[in-house]
Amino acid sequence: MTKVTIKKKDDLITDIEIKGHALSGPYNQDLVCAGISSIVFGTCNALAELSSYDEDQIGFIDGLIRIPNISEDSETQLICQVMIVQLKTIEQSYPQYIEIAYI
């Protein structure tokens, strides 16, 4: 299962962690995992190109992506909010493969 943890402070997103593989199908054929990956990598690219976020902070390790120290500026927050909406859409259809939690 993929677990998404979103840290917030005063209604602002401060950190996001995406951990694990969806395991909805065989390796390299897992469509849920592919969807999650597309959303997350697209978001990382958007942060790099459309906001002032320092993308060098993003940590990529097999099965783990950390987006720390998310700034308060409106562009960065909006990009992250869009990612969360997209991930929630997958969670609604495939709750056994993705879980989103706020802390």
C-alpha atoms as a PDB file:
ATOM      1  CA  MET A   1       0.000   0.000   0.000  1.00  0.00           C
ATOM      2  CA  THR A   2       1.119   3.551  -0.712  1.00  0.00           C
ATOM      3  CA  LYS A   3       0.868   5.832   2.304  1.00  0.00           C
ATOM      4  CA  VAL A   4       0.744   9.581   1.834  1.00  0.00           C
ATOM      5  CA  THR A   5       1.413  11.686   4.919  1.00  0.00           C
ATOM      6  CA  ILE A   6       0.672  15.392   4.785  1.00  0.00           C
ATOM      7  CA  LYS A   7       1.859  17.685   7.532  1.00  0.00           C
ATOM      8  CA  LYS A   8       0.009  20.951   7.994  1.00  0.00           C
ATOM      9  CA  LYS A   9       0.430  23.961  10.228  1.00  0.00           C
ATOM     10  CA  ASP A  10      -2.176  26.716  10.355  1.00  0.00           C
ATOM     11  CA  ASP A  11      -3.931  25.282   7.262  1.00  0.00           C
ATOM     12  CA  LEU A  12      -0.692  25.389   5.253  1.00  0.00           C
ATOM     13  CA  ILE A  13       0.994  22.292   3.887  1.00  0.00           C
ATOM     14  CA  THR A  14       4.494  22.035   5.352  1.00  0.00           C
ATOM     15  CA  ASP A  15       5.723  18.539   4.366  1.00  0.00           C
ATOM     16  CA  ILE A  16       4.557  15.635   2.225  1.00  0.00           C
ATOM     17  CA  GLU A  17       5.799  12.056   2.297  1.00  0.00           C
ATOM     18  CA  ILE A  18       4.778   9.335  -0.159  1.00  0.00           C
ATOM     19  CA  LYS A  19       5.897   5.888   0.956  1.00  0.00           C
ATOM     20  CA  GLY A  20       5.501   2.366  -0.358  1.00  0.00           C
ATOM     21  CA  HIS A  21       4.204   0.712  -3.491  1.00  0.00           C
ATOM     22  CA  ALA A  22       0.523   0.232  -4.271  1.00  0.00           C
ATOM     23  CA  LEU A  23       0.961  -3.470  -5.143  1.00  0.00           C
ATOM     24  CA  SER A  24      -2.255  -3.527  -7.169  1.00  0.00           C
ATOM     25  CA  GLY A  25      -0.654  -5.629  -9.896  1.00  0.00           C
ATOM     26  CA  PRO A  26       2.565  -7.314 -10.967  1.00  0.00           C
ATOM     27  CA  TYR A  27       5.783  -5.297 -10.901  1.00  0.00           C
ATOM     28  CA  ASN A  28       5.934  -2.914 -13.902  1.00  0.00           C
ATOM     29  CA  GLN A  29       2.220  -3.498 -14.532  1.00  0.00           C
ATOM     30  CA  ASP A  30       0.812  -1.803 -11.432  1.00  0.00           C
ATOM     31  CA  LEU A  31      -1.516   0.862 -12.823  1.00  0.00           C
ATOM     32  CA  VAL A  32      -2.367   2.374  -9.435  1.00  0.00           C
ATOM     33  CA  CYS A  33       1.309   2.807  -8.616  1.00  0.00           C
ATOM     34  CA  ALA A  34       1.911   4.267 -12.085  1.00  0.00           C
ATOM     35  CA  GLY A  35      -0.891   6.776 -11.546  1.00  0.00           C
ATOM     36  CA  ILE A  36       0.451   7.809  -8.154  1.00  0.00           C
ATOM     37  CA  SER A  37       3.973   8.124  -9.551  1.00  0.00           C
ATOM     38  CA  SER A  38       2.795  10.266 -12.457  1.00  0.00           C
ATOM     39  CA  ILE A  39       0.982  12.639 -10.138  1.00  0.00           C
ATOM     40  CA  VAL A  40       3.879  12.915  -7.698  1.00  0.00           C
ATOM     41  CA  PHE A  41       6.625  13.342 -10.311  1.00  0.00           C
ATOM     42  CA  GLY A  42       4.483  15.835 -12.219  1.00  0.00           C
ATOM     43  CA  THR A  43       4.041  17.786  -9.006  1.00  0.00           C
ATOM     44  CA  CYS A  44       7.787  17.768  -8.345  1.00  0.00           C
ATOM     45  CA  ASN A  45       8.358  19.083 -11.874  1.00  0.00           C
ATOM     46  CA  ALA A  46       5.707  21.776 -11.385  1.00  0.00           C
ATOM     47  CA  LEU A  47       7.313  22.833  -8.105  1.00  0.00           C
ATOM     48  CA  ALA A  48      10.644  23.174  -9.914  1.00  0.00           C
ATOM     49  CA  GLU A  49       9.287  25.104 -12.888  1.00  0.00           C
ATOM     50  CA  LEU A  50       6.331  27.094 -11.570  1.00  0.00           C
ATOM     51  CA  SER A  51       7.252  28.067  -8.026  1.00  0.00           C
ATOM     52  CA  SER A  52      10.124  29.313  -5.925  1.00  0.00           C
ATOM     53  CA  TYR A  53      10.416  25.960  -4.134  1.00  0.00           C
ATOM     54  CA  ASP A  54      13.979  24.603  -4.043  1.00  0.00           C
ATOM     55  CA  GLU A  55      13.515  21.211  -5.691  1.00  0.00           C
ATOM     56  CA  ASP A  56      16.934  20.087  -4.412  1.00  0.00           C
ATOM     57  CA  GLN A  57      15.184  19.510  -1.071  1.00  0.00           C
ATOM     58  CA  ILE A  58      13.050  16.715  -2.528  1.00  0.00           C
ATOM     59  CA  GLY A  59      14.269  13.317  -1.408  1.00  0.00           C
ATOM     60  CA  PHE A  60      13.933  10.373  -3.788  1.00  0.00           C
ATOM     61  CA  ILE A  61      14.672   6.893  -2.442  1.00  0.00           C
ATOM     62  CA  ASP A  62      13.167   3.693  -3.817  1.00  0.00           C
ATOM     63  CA  GLY A  63       9.616   3.593  -2.498  1.00  0.00           C
ATOM     64  CA  LEU A  64       9.910   6.939  -0.697  1.00  0.00           C
ATOM     65  CA  ILE A  65       9.554  10.556  -1.781  1.00  0.00           C
ATOM     66  CA  ARG A  66       9.801  13.419   0.683  1.00  0.00           C
ATOM     67  CA  ILE A  67       8.824  16.987  -0.147  1.00  0.00           C
ATOM     68  CA  PRO A  68       9.942  18.918   2.954  1.00  0.00           C
ATOM     69  CA  ASN A  69       9.914  22.553   3.999  1.00  0.00           C
ATOM     70  CA  ILE A  70       7.086  23.589   1.706  1.00  0.00           C
ATOM     71  CA  SER A  71       6.974  27.355   1.563  1.00  0.00           C
ATOM     72  CA  GLU A  72       3.918  29.441   2.326  1.00  0.00           C
ATOM     73  CA  ASP A  73       3.795  31.174  -1.056  1.00  0.00           C
ATOM     74  CA  SER A  74       0.538  30.739  -2.918  1.00  0.00           C
ATOM     75  CA  GLU A  75       2.000  29.029  -6.018  1.00  0.00           C
ATOM     76  CA  THR A  76       3.762  26.321  -4.017  1.00  0.00           C
ATOM     77  CA  GLN A  77       0.731  25.716  -1.812  1.00  0.00           C
ATOM     78  CA  LEU A  78      -1.605  25.510  -4.816  1.00  0.00           C
ATOM     79  CA  ILE A  79       0.624  23.023  -6.625  1.00  0.00           C
ATOM     80  CA  CYS A  80       0.701  20.802  -3.538  1.00  0.00           C
ATOM     81  CA  GLN A  81      -3.061  21.124  -3.056  1.00  0.00           C
ATOM     82  CA  VAL A  82      -3.650  20.036  -6.643  1.00  0.00           C
ATOM     83  CA  MET A  83      -1.471  16.970  -6.053  1.00  0.00           C
ATOM     84  CA  ILE A  84      -3.501  16.083  -2.958  1.00  0.00           C
ATOM     85  CA  VAL A  85      -6.797  16.402  -4.854  1.00  0.00           C
ATOM     86  CA  GLN A  86      -5.459  14.090  -7.559  1.00  0.00           C
ATOM     87  CA  LEU A  87      -4.213  11.536  -5.027  1.00  0.00           C
ATOM     88  CA  LYS A  88      -7.575  11.665  -3.214  1.00  0.00           C
ATOM     89  CA  THR A  89      -9.245  10.795  -6.514  1.00  0.00           C
ATOM     90  CA  ILE A  90      -7.147   7.637  -6.735  1.00  0.00           C
ATOM     91  CA  GLU A  91      -7.828   6.888  -3.058  1.00  0.00           C
ATOM     92  CA  GLN A  92     -11.594   7.080  -3.655  1.00  0.00           C
ATOM     93  CA  SER A  93     -11.371   4.484  -6.427  1.00  0.00           C
ATOM     94  CA  TYR A  94      -8.667   2.267  -4.903  1.00  0.00           C
ATOM     95  CA  PRO A  95      -8.749   2.666  -1.097  1.00  0.00           C
ATOM     96  CA  GLN A  96      -7.080  -0.719  -0.601  1.00  0.00           C
ATOM     97  CA  TYR A  97      -3.931   0.541  -2.371  1.00  0.00           C
ATOM     98  CA  ILE A  98      -3.474   4.145  -1.185  1.00  0.00           C
ATOM     99  CA  GLU A  99      -4.069   5.859   2.144  1.00  0.00           C
ATOM    100  CA  ILE A 100      -3.807   9.607   2.787  1.00  0.00           C
ATOM    101  CA  ALA A 101      -3.307  10.889   6.328  1.00  0.00           C
ATOM    102  CA  TYR A 102      -2.912  14.357   7.793  1.00  0.00           C
ATOM    103  CA  ILE A 103      -0.785  15.059  10.831  1.00  0.00           C
END
